[in-house]
Amino acid sequence: MATEELAYTANKYLELCLLVLENMVNNPMFWGAFLGAWLVASSRKNKNIFKKMASFLLSASVGYLFSPVASLYLPVIPPGVCGFICALVVIPLSRKLTDWIQVTDIVDLIRRFRGGK
């Protein structure tokens, strides 16, 4: 009898948690970020499945987290499209920026920002 009550209670808590999560998640932003991350992960060639899954999760997370900020600056674009664009743009742009910073010399970088040659 105790196991049946425990299973019933666990089921009710799970239903409650799912309802709370459903109300917390912005569905258009989530699906836009999901599709953008799928496109990013599927475009990577010659990678193993774990790297593709990591790329997908990272792009989807960043796309979902950055889409409210992007929708503030671009109010004309729907939330789903903002999530898609953020998932597509933010990770490759940050990779390129990281590669550029690793190659560039710090002294040369400071000199460029000051305006000198």
PDB file of N, CA and C in Angstrom:
ATOM      1  N   MET A   1       0.814  -1.190   0.000  1.00  0.00           N
ATOM      2  CA  MET A   1       0.000   0.000   0.000  1.00  0.00           C
ATOM      3  C   MET A   1       0.861   1.259   0.000  1.00  0.00           C
ATOM      4  N   ALA A   2       1.978   1.225   0.699  1.00  0.00           N
ATOM      5  CA  ALA A   2       2.842   2.394   0.789  1.00  0.00           C
ATOM      6  C   ALA A   2       3.470   2.714  -0.568  1.00  0.00           C
ATOM      7  N   THR A   3       3.815   1.670  -1.335  1.00  0.00           N
ATOM      8  CA  THR A   3       4.405   1.916  -2.643  1.00  0.00           C
ATOM      9  C   THR A   3       3.399   2.532  -3.606  1.00  0.00           C
ATOM     10  N   GLU A   4       2.125   2.135  -3.493  1.00  0.00           N
ATOM     11  CA  GLU A   4       1.102   2.729  -4.352  1.00  0.00           C
ATOM     12  C   GLU A   4       0.891   4.194  -4.015  1.00  0.00           C
ATOM     13  N   GLU A   5       0.900   4.525  -2.730  1.00  0.00           N
ATOM     14  CA  GLU A   5       0.761   5.921  -2.327  1.00  0.00           C
ATOM     15  C   GLU A   5       1.969   6.745  -2.756  1.00  0.00           C
ATOM     16  N   LEU A   6       3.145   6.152  -2.654  1.00  0.00           N
ATOM     17  CA  LEU A   6       4.359   6.830  -3.080  1.00  0.00           C
ATOM     18  C   LEU A   6       4.342   7.072  -4.588  1.00  0.00           C
ATOM     19  N   ALA A   7       3.924   6.081  -5.345  1.00  0.00           N
ATOM     20  CA  ALA A   7       3.839   6.240  -6.792  1.00  0.00           C
ATOM     21  C   ALA A   7       2.809   7.295  -7.168  1.00  0.00           C
ATOM     22  N   TYR A   8       1.672   7.311  -6.487  1.00  0.00           N
ATOM     23  CA  TYR A   8       0.632   8.305  -6.750  1.00  0.00           C
ATOM     24  C   TYR A   8       1.142   9.717  -6.440  1.00  0.00           C
ATOM     25  N   THR A   9       1.826   9.872  -5.315  1.00  0.00           N
ATOM     26  CA  THR A   9       2.356  11.176  -4.923  1.00  0.00           C
ATOM     27  C   THR A   9       3.431  11.645  -5.902  1.00  0.00           C
ATOM     28  N   ALA A  10       4.300  10.734  -6.302  1.00  0.00           N
ATOM     29  CA  ALA A  10       5.345  11.089  -7.263  1.00  0.00           C
ATOM     30  C   ALA A  10       4.734  11.496  -8.593  1.00  0.00           C
ATOM     31  N   ASN A  11       3.687  10.800  -9.014  1.00  0.00           N
ATOM     32  CA  ASN A  11       3.018  11.130 -10.264  1.00  0.00           C
ATOM     33  C   ASN A  11       2.388  12.514 -10.195  1.00  0.00           C
ATOM     34  N   LYS A  12       1.747  12.846  -9.076  1.00  0.00           N
ATOM     35  CA  LYS A  12       1.123  14.164  -8.912  1.00  0.00           C
ATOM     36  C   LYS A  12       2.172  15.275  -8.903  1.00  0.00           C
ATOM     37  N   TYR A  13       3.304  15.043  -8.229  1.00  0.00           N
ATOM     38  CA  TYR A  13       4.375  16.043  -8.228  1.00  0.00           C
ATOM     39  C   TYR A  13       4.951  16.230  -9.626  1.00  0.00           C
ATOM     40  N   LEU A  14       5.092  15.151 -10.369  1.00  0.00           N
ATOM     41  CA  LEU A  14       5.591  15.245 -11.730  1.00  0.00           C
ATOM     42  C   LEU A  14       4.633  16.033 -12.612  1.00  0.00           C
ATOM     43  N   GLU A  15       3.337  15.774 -12.489  1.00  0.00           N
ATOM     44  CA  GLU A  15       2.355  16.538 -13.261  1.00  0.00           C
ATOM     45  C   GLU A  15       2.407  18.019 -12.901  1.00  0.00           C
ATOM     46  N   LEU A  16       2.555  18.323 -11.639  1.00  0.00           N
ATOM     47  CA  LEU A  16       2.629  19.705 -11.190  1.00  0.00           C
ATOM     48  C   LEU A  16       3.883  20.383 -11.733  1.00  0.00           C
ATOM     49  N   CYS A  17       5.013  19.687 -11.678  1.00  0.00           N
ATOM     50  CA  CYS A  17       6.258  20.254 -12.192  1.00  0.00           C
ATOM     51  C   CYS A  17       6.180  20.492 -13.696  1.00  0.00           C
ATOM     52  N   LEU A  18       5.584  19.566 -14.422  1.00  0.00           N
ATOM     53  CA  LEU A  18       5.446  19.749 -15.868  1.00  0.00           C
ATOM     54  C   LEU A  18       4.546  20.929 -16.206  1.00  0.00           C
ATOM     55  N   LEU A  19       3.488  21.128 -15.434  1.00  0.00           N
ATOM     56  CA  LEU A  19       2.619  22.282 -15.663  1.00  0.00           C
ATOM     57  C   LEU A  19       3.351  23.592 -15.382  1.00  0.00           C
ATOM     58  N   VAL A  20       4.145  23.613 -14.327  1.00  0.00           N
ATOM     59  CA  VAL A  20       4.907  24.818 -14.011  1.00  0.00           C
ATOM     60  C   VAL A  20       5.940  25.096 -15.100  1.00  0.00           C
ATOM     61  N   LEU A  21       6.646  24.074 -15.554  1.00  0.00           N
ATOM     62  CA  LEU A  21       7.635  24.256 -16.615  1.00  0.00           C
ATOM     63  C   LEU A  21       6.986  24.693 -17.923  1.00  0.00           C
ATOM     64  N   GLU A  22       5.806  24.165 -18.208  1.00  0.00           N
ATOM     65  CA  GLU A  22       5.113  24.542 -19.434  1.00  0.00           C
ATOM     66  C   GLU A  22       4.751  26.019 -19.418  1.00  0.00           C
ATOM     67  N   ASN A  23       4.387  26.538 -18.262  1.00  0.00           N
ATOM     68  CA  ASN A  23       4.056  27.951 -18.167  1.00  0.00           C
ATOM     69  C   ASN A  23       5.291  28.843 -18.117  1.00  0.00           C
ATOM     70  N   MET A  24       6.422  28.308 -17.696  1.00  0.00           N
ATOM     71  CA  MET A  24       7.645  29.096 -17.623  1.00  0.00           C
ATOM     72  C   MET A  24       8.343  29.225 -18.972  1.00  0.00           C
ATOM     73  N   VAL A  25       8.224  28.232 -19.823  1.00  0.00           N
ATOM     74  CA  VAL A  25       8.939  28.206 -21.092  1.00  0.00           C
ATOM     75  C   VAL A  25       8.135  28.966 -22.139  1.00  0.00           C
ATOM     76  N   ASN A  26       8.823  29.866 -22.850  1.00  0.00           N
ATOM     77  CA  ASN A  26       8.211  30.564 -23.969  1.00  0.00           C
ATOM     78  C   ASN A  26       8.320  29.646 -25.189  1.00  0.00           C
ATOM     79  N   ASN A  27       7.220  29.043 -25.590  1.00  0.00           N
ATOM     80  CA  ASN A  27       7.253  28.013 -26.626  1.00  0.00           C
ATOM     81  C   ASN A  27       7.794  28.482 -27.967  1.00  0.00           C
ATOM     82  N   PRO A  28       7.386  29.647 -28.504  1.00  0.00           N
ATOM     83  CA  PRO A  28       7.971  30.043 -29.795  1.00  0.00           C
ATOM     84  C   PRO A  28       9.481  30.243 -29.729  1.00  0.00           C
ATOM     85  N   MET A  29       9.971  30.845 -28.649  1.00  0.00           N
ATOM     86  CA  MET A  29      11.421  31.021 -28.516  1.00  0.00           C
ATOM     87  C   MET A  29      12.125  29.675 -28.393  1.00  0.00           C
ATOM     88  N   PHE A  30      11.519  28.768 -27.648  1.00  0.00           N
ATOM     89  CA  PHE A  30      12.111  27.440 -27.471  1.00  0.00           C
ATOM     90  C   PHE A  30      12.217  26.702 -28.802  1.00  0.00           C
ATOM     91  N   TRP A  31      11.124  26.678 -29.569  1.00  0.00           N
ATOM     92  CA  TRP A  31      11.147  25.947 -30.831  1.00  0.00           C
ATOM     93  C   TRP A  31      12.027  26.634 -31.865  1.00  0.00           C
ATOM     94  N   GLY A  32      12.084  27.958 -31.848  1.00  0.00           N
ATOM     95  CA  GLY A  32      12.998  28.659 -32.751  1.00  0.00           C
ATOM     96  C   GLY A  32      14.443  28.337 -32.434  1.00  0.00           C
ATOM     97  N   ALA A  33      14.791  28.360 -31.142  1.00  0.00           N
ATOM     98  CA  ALA A  33      16.152  28.016 -30.737  1.00  0.00           C
ATOM     99  C   ALA A  33      16.453  26.553 -31.029  1.00  0.00           C
ATOM    100  N   PHE A  34      15.458  25.687 -30.853  1.00  0.00           N
ATOM    101  CA  PHE A  34      15.624  24.262 -31.141  1.00  0.00           C
ATOM    102  C   PHE A  34      15.943  24.044 -32.619  1.00  0.00           C
ATOM    103  N   LEU A  35      15.187  24.691 -33.502  1.00  0.00           N
ATOM    104  CA  LEU A  35      15.418  24.514 -34.942  1.00  0.00           C
ATOM    105  C   LEU A  35      16.735  25.134 -35.390  1.00  0.00           C
ATOM    106  N   GLY A  36      17.089  26.287 -34.825  1.00  0.00           N
ATOM    107  CA  GLY A  36      18.376  26.891 -35.155  1.00  0.00           C
ATOM    108  C   GLY A  36      19.538  26.036 -34.699  1.00  0.00           C
ATOM    109  N   ALA A  37      19.423  25.463 -33.511  1.00  0.00           N
ATOM    110  CA  ALA A  37      20.476  24.588 -33.006  1.00  0.00           C
ATOM    111  C   ALA A  37      20.568  23.308 -33.821  1.00  0.00           C
ATOM    112  N   TRP A  38      19.429  22.812 -34.280  1.00  0.00           N
ATOM    113  CA  TRP A  38      19.442  21.621 -35.132  1.00  0.00           C
ATOM    114  C   TRP A  38      20.176  21.911 -36.432  1.00  0.00           C
ATOM    115  N   LEU A  39      19.964  23.101 -36.990  1.00  0.00           N
ATOM    116  CA  LEU A  39      20.653  23.475 -38.221  1.00  0.00           C
ATOM    117  C   LEU A  39      22.153  23.618 -37.981  1.00  0.00           C
ATOM    118  N   VAL A  40      22.542  24.202 -36.857  1.00  0.00           N
ATOM    119  CA  VAL A  40      23.962  24.348 -36.533  1.00  0.00           C
ATOM    120  C   VAL A  40      24.609  22.978 -36.341  1.00  0.00           C
ATOM    121  N   ALA A  41      23.948  22.107 -35.599  1.00  0.00           N
ATOM    122  CA  ALA A  41      24.530  20.786 -35.312  1.00  0.00           C
ATOM    123  C   ALA A  41      24.569  19.913 -36.560  1.00  0.00           C
ATOM    124  N   SER A  42      23.572  20.020 -37.415  1.00  0.00           N
ATOM    125  CA  SER A  42      23.558  19.179 -38.609  1.00  0.00           C
ATOM    126  C   SER A  42      24.515  19.673 -39.682  1.00  0.00           C
ATOM    127  N   SER A  43      24.929  20.929 -39.610  1.00  0.00           N
ATOM    128  CA  SER A  43      25.846  21.449 -40.623  1.00  0.00           C
ATOM    129  C   SER A  43      27.296  21.103 -40.320  1.00  0.00           C
ATOM    130  N   ARG A  44      27.576  20.608 -39.136  1.00  0.00           N
ATOM    131  CA  ARG A  44      28.951  20.234 -38.791  1.00  0.00           C
ATOM    132  C   ARG A  44      29.272  18.882 -39.410  1.00  0.00           C
ATOM    133  N   LYS A  45      30.252  18.865 -40.258  1.00  0.00           N
ATOM    134  CA  LYS A  45      30.641  17.647 -40.955  1.00  0.00           C
ATOM    135  C   LYS A  45      31.788  16.949 -40.210  1.00  0.00           C
ATOM    136  N   ASN A  46      31.835  15.650 -40.348  1.00  0.00           N
ATOM    137  CA  ASN A  46      32.923  14.825 -39.816  1.00  0.00           C
ATOM    138  C   ASN A  46      33.121  14.981 -38.308  1.00  0.00           C
ATOM    139  N   LYS A  47      32.063  15.097 -37.586  1.00  0.00           N
ATOM    140  CA  LYS A  47      32.145  15.159 -36.131  1.00  0.00           C
ATOM    141  C   LYS A  47      31.419  13.952 -35.559  1.00  0.00           C
ATOM    142  N   ASN A  48      31.880  13.491 -34.397  1.00  0.00           N
ATOM    143  CA  ASN A  48      31.200  12.349 -33.797  1.00  0.00           C
ATOM    144  C   ASN A  48      29.896  12.812 -33.148  1.00  0.00           C
ATOM    145  N   ILE A  49      29.104  11.882 -32.715  1.00  0.00           N
ATOM    146  CA  ILE A  49      27.757  12.170 -32.237  1.00  0.00           C
ATOM    147  C   ILE A  49      27.780  12.987 -30.952  1.00  0.00           C
ATOM    148  N   PHE A  50      28.791  12.796 -30.100  1.00  0.00           N
ATOM    149  CA  PHE A  50      28.846  13.541 -28.844  1.00  0.00           C
ATOM    150  C   PHE A  50      29.145  15.014 -29.087  1.00  0.00           C
ATOM    151  N   LYS A  51      30.020  15.306 -30.061  1.00  0.00           N
ATOM    152  CA  LYS A  51      30.298  16.704 -30.389  1.00  0.00           C
ATOM    153  C   LYS A  51      29.085  17.364 -31.037  1.00  0.00           C
ATOM    154  N   LYS A  52      28.350  16.613 -31.840  1.00  0.00           N
ATOM    155  CA  LYS A  52      27.139  17.170 -32.431  1.00  0.00           C
ATOM    156  C   LYS A  52      26.076  17.424 -31.373  1.00  0.00           C
ATOM    157  N   MET A  53      25.942  16.512 -30.409  1.00  0.00           N
ATOM    158  CA  MET A  53      24.967  16.713 -29.333  1.00  0.00           C
ATOM    159  C   MET A  53      25.355  17.907 -28.464  1.00  0.00           C
ATOM    160  N   ALA A  54      26.637  18.042 -28.175  1.00  0.00           N
ATOM    161  CA  ALA A  54      27.098  19.178 -27.377  1.00  0.00           C
ATOM    162  C   ALA A  54      26.876  20.485 -28.126  1.00  0.00           C
ATOM    163  N   SER A  55      27.149  20.481 -29.418  1.00  0.00           N
ATOM    164  CA  SER A  55      26.906  21.675 -30.227  1.00  0.00           C
ATOM    165  C   SER A  55      25.427  22.019 -30.261  1.00  0.00           C
ATOM    166  N   PHE A  56      24.581  20.997 -30.373  1.00  0.00           N
ATOM    167  CA  PHE A  56      23.140  21.224 -30.382  1.00  0.00           C
ATOM    168  C   PHE A  56      22.661  21.811 -29.056  1.00  0.00           C
ATOM    169  N   LEU A  57      23.078  21.208 -27.943  1.00  0.00           N
ATOM    170  CA  LEU A  57      22.638  21.695 -26.631  1.00  0.00           C
ATOM    171  C   LEU A  57      23.146  23.104 -26.344  1.00  0.00           C
ATOM    172  N   LEU A  58      24.390  23.370 -26.721  1.00  0.00           N
ATOM    173  CA  LEU A  58      24.949  24.695 -26.496  1.00  0.00           C
ATOM    174  C   LEU A  58      24.238  25.744 -27.345  1.00  0.00           C
ATOM    175  N   SER A  59      24.003  25.442 -28.607  1.00  0.00           N
ATOM    176  CA  SER A  59      23.321  26.399 -29.483  1.00  0.00           C
ATOM    177  C   SER A  59      21.879  26.615 -29.056  1.00  0.00           C
ATOM    178  N   ALA A  60      21.185  25.559 -28.667  1.00  0.00           N
ATOM    179  CA  ALA A  60      19.794  25.705 -28.235  1.00  0.00           C
ATOM    180  C   ALA A  60      19.712  26.515 -26.950  1.00  0.00           C
ATOM    181  N   SER A  61      20.607  26.257 -26.021  1.00  0.00           N
ATOM    182  CA  SER A  61      20.594  27.002 -24.759  1.00  0.00           C
ATOM    183  C   SER A  61      20.891  28.480 -24.983  1.00  0.00           C
ATOM    184  N   VAL A  62      21.911  28.754 -25.761  1.00  0.00           N
ATOM    185  CA  VAL A  62      22.277  30.148 -26.025  1.00  0.00           C
ATOM    186  C   VAL A  62      21.187  30.840 -26.836  1.00  0.00           C
ATOM    187  N   GLY A  63      20.619  30.148 -27.799  1.00  0.00           N
ATOM    188  CA  GLY A  63      19.539  30.743 -28.582  1.00  0.00           C
ATOM    189  C   GLY A  63      18.328  31.078 -27.739  1.00  0.00           C
ATOM    190  N   TYR A  64      17.988  30.197 -26.813  1.00  0.00           N
ATOM    191  CA  TYR A  64      16.841  30.457 -25.948  1.00  0.00           C
ATOM    192  C   TYR A  64      17.136  31.559 -24.945  1.00  0.00           C
ATOM    193  N   LEU A  65      18.361  31.604 -24.423  1.00  0.00           N
ATOM    194  CA  LEU A  65      18.697  32.612 -23.425  1.00  0.00           C
ATOM    195  C   LEU A  65      18.912  34.002 -24.035  1.00  0.00           C
ATOM    196  N   PHE A  66      19.404  34.075 -25.255  1.00  0.00           N
ATOM    197  CA  PHE A  66      19.670  35.369 -25.875  1.00  0.00           C
ATOM    198  C   PHE A  66      18.461  35.935 -26.613  1.00  0.00           C
ATOM    199  N   SER A  67      17.460  35.123 -26.904  1.00  0.00           N
ATOM    200  CA  SER A  67      16.332  35.615 -27.694  1.00  0.00           C
ATOM    201  C   SER A  67      15.507  36.693 -26.987  1.00  0.00           C
ATOM    202  N   PRO A  68      15.318  36.688 -25.656  1.00  0.00           N
ATOM    203  CA  PRO A  68      14.612  37.834 -25.057  1.00  0.00           C
ATOM    204  C   PRO A  68      15.369  39.150 -25.210  1.00  0.00           C
ATOM    205  N   VAL A  69      16.695  39.094 -25.148  1.00  0.00           N
ATOM    206  CA  VAL A  69      17.495  40.301 -25.329  1.00  0.00           C
ATOM    207  C   VAL A  69      17.388  40.795 -26.767  1.00  0.00           C
ATOM    208  N   ALA A  70      17.454  39.876 -27.716  1.00  0.00           N
ATOM    209  CA  ALA A  70      17.347  40.264 -29.124  1.00  0.00           C
ATOM    210  C   ALA A  70      15.957  40.793 -29.450  1.00  0.00           C
ATOM    211  N   SER A  71      14.931  40.213 -28.837  1.00  0.00           N
ATOM    212  CA  SER A  71      13.578  40.686 -29.129  1.00  0.00           C
ATOM    213  C   SER A  71      13.326  42.073 -28.546  1.00  0.00           C
ATOM    214  N   LEU A  72      14.080  42.485 -27.519  1.00  0.00           N
ATOM    215  CA  LEU A  72      13.972  43.858 -27.015  1.00  0.00           C
ATOM    216  C   LEU A  72      14.513  44.865 -28.027  1.00  0.00           C
ATOM    217  N   TYR A  73      15.599  44.497 -28.709  1.00  0.00           N
ATOM    218  CA  TYR A  73      16.199  45.399 -29.683  1.00  0.00           C
ATOM    219  C   TYR A  73      15.554  45.289 -31.059  1.00  0.00           C
ATOM    220  N   LEU A  74      14.916  44.180 -31.336  1.00  0.00           N
ATOM    221  CA  LEU A  74      14.242  43.963 -32.622  1.00  0.00           C
ATOM    222  C   LEU A  74      12.784  43.587 -32.372  1.00  0.00           C
ATOM    223  N   PRO A  75      11.941  44.547 -32.001  1.00  0.00           N
ATOM    224  CA  PRO A  75      10.563  44.195 -31.627  1.00  0.00           C
ATOM    225  C   PRO A  75       9.700  43.758 -32.810  1.00  0.00           C
ATOM    226  N   VAL A  76      10.154  44.001 -34.033  1.00  0.00           N
ATOM    227  CA  VAL A  76       9.373  43.635 -35.213  1.00  0.00           C
ATOM    228  C   VAL A  76       9.429  42.131 -35.473  1.00  0.00           C
ATOM    229  N   ILE A  77      10.539  41.520 -35.090  1.00  0.00           N
ATOM    230  CA  ILE A  77      10.745  40.096 -35.363  1.00  0.00           C
ATOM    231  C   ILE A  77      10.014  39.268 -34.301  1.00  0.00           C
ATOM    232  N   PRO A  78       9.275  38.230 -34.703  1.00  0.00           N
ATOM    233  CA  PRO A  78       8.583  37.367 -33.724  1.00  0.00           C
ATOM    234  C   PRO A  78       9.575  36.620 -32.832  1.00  0.00           C
ATOM    235  N   PRO A  79       9.134  36.189 -31.641  1.00  0.00           N
ATOM    236  CA  PRO A  79      10.042  35.525 -30.698  1.00  0.00           C
ATOM    237  C   PRO A  79      10.664  34.233 -31.231  1.00  0.00           C
ATOM    238  N   GLY A  80       9.917  33.478 -32.015  1.00  0.00           N
ATOM    239  CA  GLY A  80      10.470  32.240 -32.566  1.00  0.00           C
ATOM    240  C   GLY A  80      11.610  32.499 -33.528  1.00  0.00           C
ATOM    241  N   VAL A  81      11.469  33.530 -34.328  1.00  0.00           N
ATOM    242  CA  VAL A  81      12.525  33.881 -35.281  1.00  0.00           C
ATOM    243  C   VAL A  81      13.744  34.417 -34.534  1.00  0.00           C
ATOM    244  N   CYS A  82      13.510  35.172 -33.462  1.00  0.00           N
ATOM    245  CA  CYS A  82      14.634  35.645 -32.638  1.00  0.00           C
ATOM    246  C   CYS A  82      15.412  34.473 -32.052  1.00  0.00           C
ATOM    247  N   GLY A  83      14.711  33.465 -31.552  1.00  0.00           N
ATOM    248  CA  GLY A  83      15.383  32.287 -31.024  1.00  0.00           C
ATOM    249  C   GLY A  83      16.178  31.556 -32.092  1.00  0.00           C
ATOM    250  N   PHE A  84      15.602  31.459 -33.293  1.00  0.00           N
ATOM    251  CA  PHE A  84      16.289  30.803 -34.406  1.00  0.00           C
ATOM    252  C   PHE A  84      17.557  31.560 -34.786  1.00  0.00           C
ATOM    253  N   ILE A  85      17.447  32.878 -34.915  1.00  0.00           N
ATOM    254  CA  ILE A  85      18.599  33.690 -35.312  1.00  0.00           C
ATOM    255  C   ILE A  85      19.680  33.657 -34.235  1.00  0.00           C
ATOM    256  N   CYS A  86      19.286  33.749 -32.983  1.00  0.00           N
ATOM    257  CA  CYS A  86      20.285  33.717 -31.904  1.00  0.00           C
ATOM    258  C   CYS A  86      21.009  32.379 -31.850  1.00  0.00           C
ATOM    259  N   ALA A  87      20.291  31.302 -32.052  1.00  0.00           N
ATOM    260  CA  ALA A  87      20.936  29.981 -32.036  1.00  0.00           C
ATOM    261  C   ALA A  87      21.890  29.832 -33.215  1.00  0.00           C
ATOM    262  N   LEU A  88      21.557  30.459 -34.334  1.00  0.00           N
ATOM    263  CA  LEU A  88      22.396  30.356 -35.522  1.00  0.00           C
ATOM    264  C   LEU A  88      23.611  31.267 -35.469  1.00  0.00           C
ATOM    265  N   VAL A  89      23.489  32.436 -34.856  1.00  0.00           N
ATOM    266  CA  VAL A  89      24.521  33.460 -34.975  1.00  0.00           C
ATOM    267  C   VAL A  89      25.476  33.505 -33.786  1.00  0.00           C
ATOM    268  N   VAL A  90      24.981  33.354 -32.575  1.00  0.00           N
ATOM    269  CA  VAL A  90      25.792  33.657 -31.391  1.00  0.00           C
ATOM    270  C   VAL A  90      26.985  32.710 -31.245  1.00  0.00           C
ATOM    271  N   ILE A  91      26.776  31.419 -31.365  1.00  0.00           N
ATOM    272  CA  ILE A  91      27.877  30.467 -31.162  1.00  0.00           C
ATOM    273  C   ILE A  91      28.949  30.580 -32.255  1.00  0.00           C
ATOM    274  N   PRO A  92      28.598  30.573 -33.553  1.00  0.00           N
ATOM    275  CA  PRO A  92      29.668  30.738 -34.551  1.00  0.00           C
ATOM    276  C   PRO A  92      30.392  32.079 -34.441  1.00  0.00           C
ATOM    277  N   LEU A  93      29.668  33.132 -34.089  1.00  0.00           N
ATOM    278  CA  LEU A  93      30.303  34.438 -33.926  1.00  0.00           C
ATOM    279  C   LEU A  93      31.266  34.436 -32.743  1.00  0.00           C
ATOM    280  N   SER A  94      30.877  33.810 -31.652  1.00  0.00           N
ATOM    281  CA  SER A  94      31.781  33.750 -30.494  1.00  0.00           C
ATOM    282  C   SER A  94      32.992  32.864 -30.784  1.00  0.00           C
ATOM    283  N   ARG A  95      32.824  31.814 -31.582  1.00  0.00           N
ATOM    284  CA  ARG A  95      33.976  30.985 -31.972  1.00  0.00           C
ATOM    285  C   ARG A  95      34.970  31.781 -32.805  1.00  0.00           C
ATOM    286  N   LYS A  96      34.456  32.556 -33.762  1.00  0.00           N
ATOM    287  CA  LYS A  96      35.328  33.374 -34.600  1.00  0.00           C
ATOM    288  C   LYS A  96      36.044  34.430 -33.765  1.00  0.00           C
ATOM    289  N   LEU A  97      35.331  35.040 -32.823  1.00  0.00           N
ATOM    290  CA  LEU A  97      35.934  36.044 -31.958  1.00  0.00           C
ATOM    291  C   LEU A  97      37.015  35.425 -31.081  1.00  0.00           C
ATOM    292  N   THR A  98      36.768  34.235 -30.558  1.00  0.00           N
ATOM    293  CA  THR A  98      37.763  33.550 -29.738  1.00  0.00           C
ATOM    294  C   THR A  98      39.009  33.210 -30.550  1.00  0.00           C
ATOM    295  N   ASP A  99      38.813  32.718 -31.773  1.00  0.00           N
ATOM    296  CA  ASP A  99      39.956  32.421 -32.637  1.00  0.00           C
ATOM    297  C   ASP A  99      40.756  33.677 -32.954  1.00  0.00           C
ATOM    298  N   TRP A 100      40.056  34.784 -33.198  1.00  0.00           N
ATOM    299  CA  TRP A 100      40.730  36.040 -33.512  1.00  0.00           C
ATOM    300  C   TRP A 100      41.529  36.545 -32.318  1.00  0.00           C
ATOM    301  N   ILE A 101      40.976  36.417 -31.109  1.00  0.00           N
ATOM    302  CA  ILE A 101      41.676  36.881 -29.908  1.00  0.00           C
ATOM    303  C   ILE A 101      42.906  36.018 -29.640  1.00  0.00           C
ATOM    304  N   GLN A 102      42.831  34.721 -29.909  1.00  0.00           N
ATOM    305  CA  GLN A 102      43.977  33.842 -29.672  1.00  0.00           C
ATOM    306  C   GLN A 102      45.118  34.141 -30.638  1.00  0.00           C
ATOM    307  N   VAL A 103      44.786  34.563 -31.845  1.00  0.00           N
ATOM    308  CA  VAL A 103      45.815  34.839 -32.851  1.00  0.00           C
ATOM    309  C   VAL A 103      46.422  36.219 -32.661  1.00  0.00           C
ATOM    310  N   THR A 104      45.609  37.192 -32.251  1.00  0.00           N
ATOM    311  CA  THR A 104      46.057  38.568 -32.150  1.00  0.00           C
ATOM    312  C   THR A 104      46.922  38.773 -30.918  1.00  0.00           C
ATOM    313  N   ASP A 105      47.962  39.550 -31.084  1.00  0.00           N
ATOM    314  CA  ASP A 105      48.842  39.909 -29.973  1.00  0.00           C
ATOM    315  C   ASP A 105      48.163  40.987 -29.130  1.00  0.00           C
ATOM    316  N   ILE A 106      48.298  40.915 -27.828  1.00  0.00           N
ATOM    317  CA  ILE A 106      47.645  41.852 -26.912  1.00  0.00           C
ATOM    318  C   ILE A 106      48.148  43.278 -27.147  1.00  0.00           C
ATOM    319  N   VAL A 107      49.452  43.459 -27.339  1.00  0.00           N
ATOM    320  CA  VAL A 107      50.017  44.793 -27.556  1.00  0.00           C
ATOM    321  C   VAL A 107      49.472  45.376 -28.857  1.00  0.00           C
ATOM    322  N   ASP A 108      49.395  44.552 -29.897  1.00  0.00           N
ATOM    323  CA  ASP A 108      48.841  45.002 -31.176  1.00  0.00           C
ATOM    324  C   ASP A 108      47.366  45.355 -31.042  1.00  0.00           C
ATOM    325  N   LEU A 109      46.633  44.598 -30.252  1.00  0.00           N
ATOM    326  CA  LEU A 109      45.208  44.854 -30.034  1.00  0.00           C
ATOM    327  C   LEU A 109      44.993  46.184 -29.306  1.00  0.00           C
ATOM    328  N   ILE A 110      45.798  46.452 -28.279  1.00  0.00           N
ATOM    329  CA  ILE A 110      45.685  47.727 -27.555  1.00  0.00           C
ATOM    330  C   ILE A 110      46.065  48.884 -28.466  1.00  0.00           C
ATOM    331  N   ARG A 111      47.085  48.703 -29.269  1.00  0.00           N
ATOM    332  CA  ARG A 111      47.512  49.746 -30.204  1.00  0.00           C
ATOM    333  C   ARG A 111      46.413  50.053 -31.223  1.00  0.00           C
ATOM    334  N   ARG A 112      45.704  49.036 -31.693  1.00  0.00           N
ATOM    335  CA  ARG A 112      44.602  49.255 -32.636  1.00  0.00           C
ATOM    336  C   ARG A 112      43.457  50.017 -32.004  1.00  0.00           C
ATOM    337  N   PHE A 113      43.134  49.702 -30.731  1.00  0.00           N
ATOM    338  CA  PHE A 113      42.053  50.410 -30.063  1.00  0.00           C
ATOM    339  C   PHE A 113      42.397  51.858 -29.751  1.00  0.00           C
ATOM    340  N   ARG A 114      43.669  52.150 -29.561  1.00  0.00           N
ATOM    341  CA  ARG A 114      44.085  53.524 -29.297  1.00  0.00           C
ATOM    342  C   ARG A 114      44.130  54.354 -30.581  1.00  0.00           C
ATOM    343  N   GLY A 115      44.172  53.700 -31.708  1.00  0.00           N
ATOM    344  CA  GLY A 115      44.171  54.421 -32.991  1.00  0.00           C
ATOM    345  C   GLY A 115      45.526  54.503 -33.648  1.00  0.00           C
ATOM    346  N   GLY A 116      46.536  53.963 -33.038  1.00  0.00           N
ATOM    347  CA  GLY A 116      47.862  53.985 -33.627  1.00  0.00           C
ATOM    348  C   GLY A 116      48.065  52.849 -34.612  1.00  0.00           C
ATOM    349  N   LYS A 117      49.192  52.900 -35.318  1.00  0.00           N
ATOM    350  CA  LYS A 117      49.470  51.845 -36.291  1.00  0.00           C
ATOM    351  C   LYS A 117      50.365  50.816 -35.740  1.00  0.00           C
TER     352      LYS A 117
END
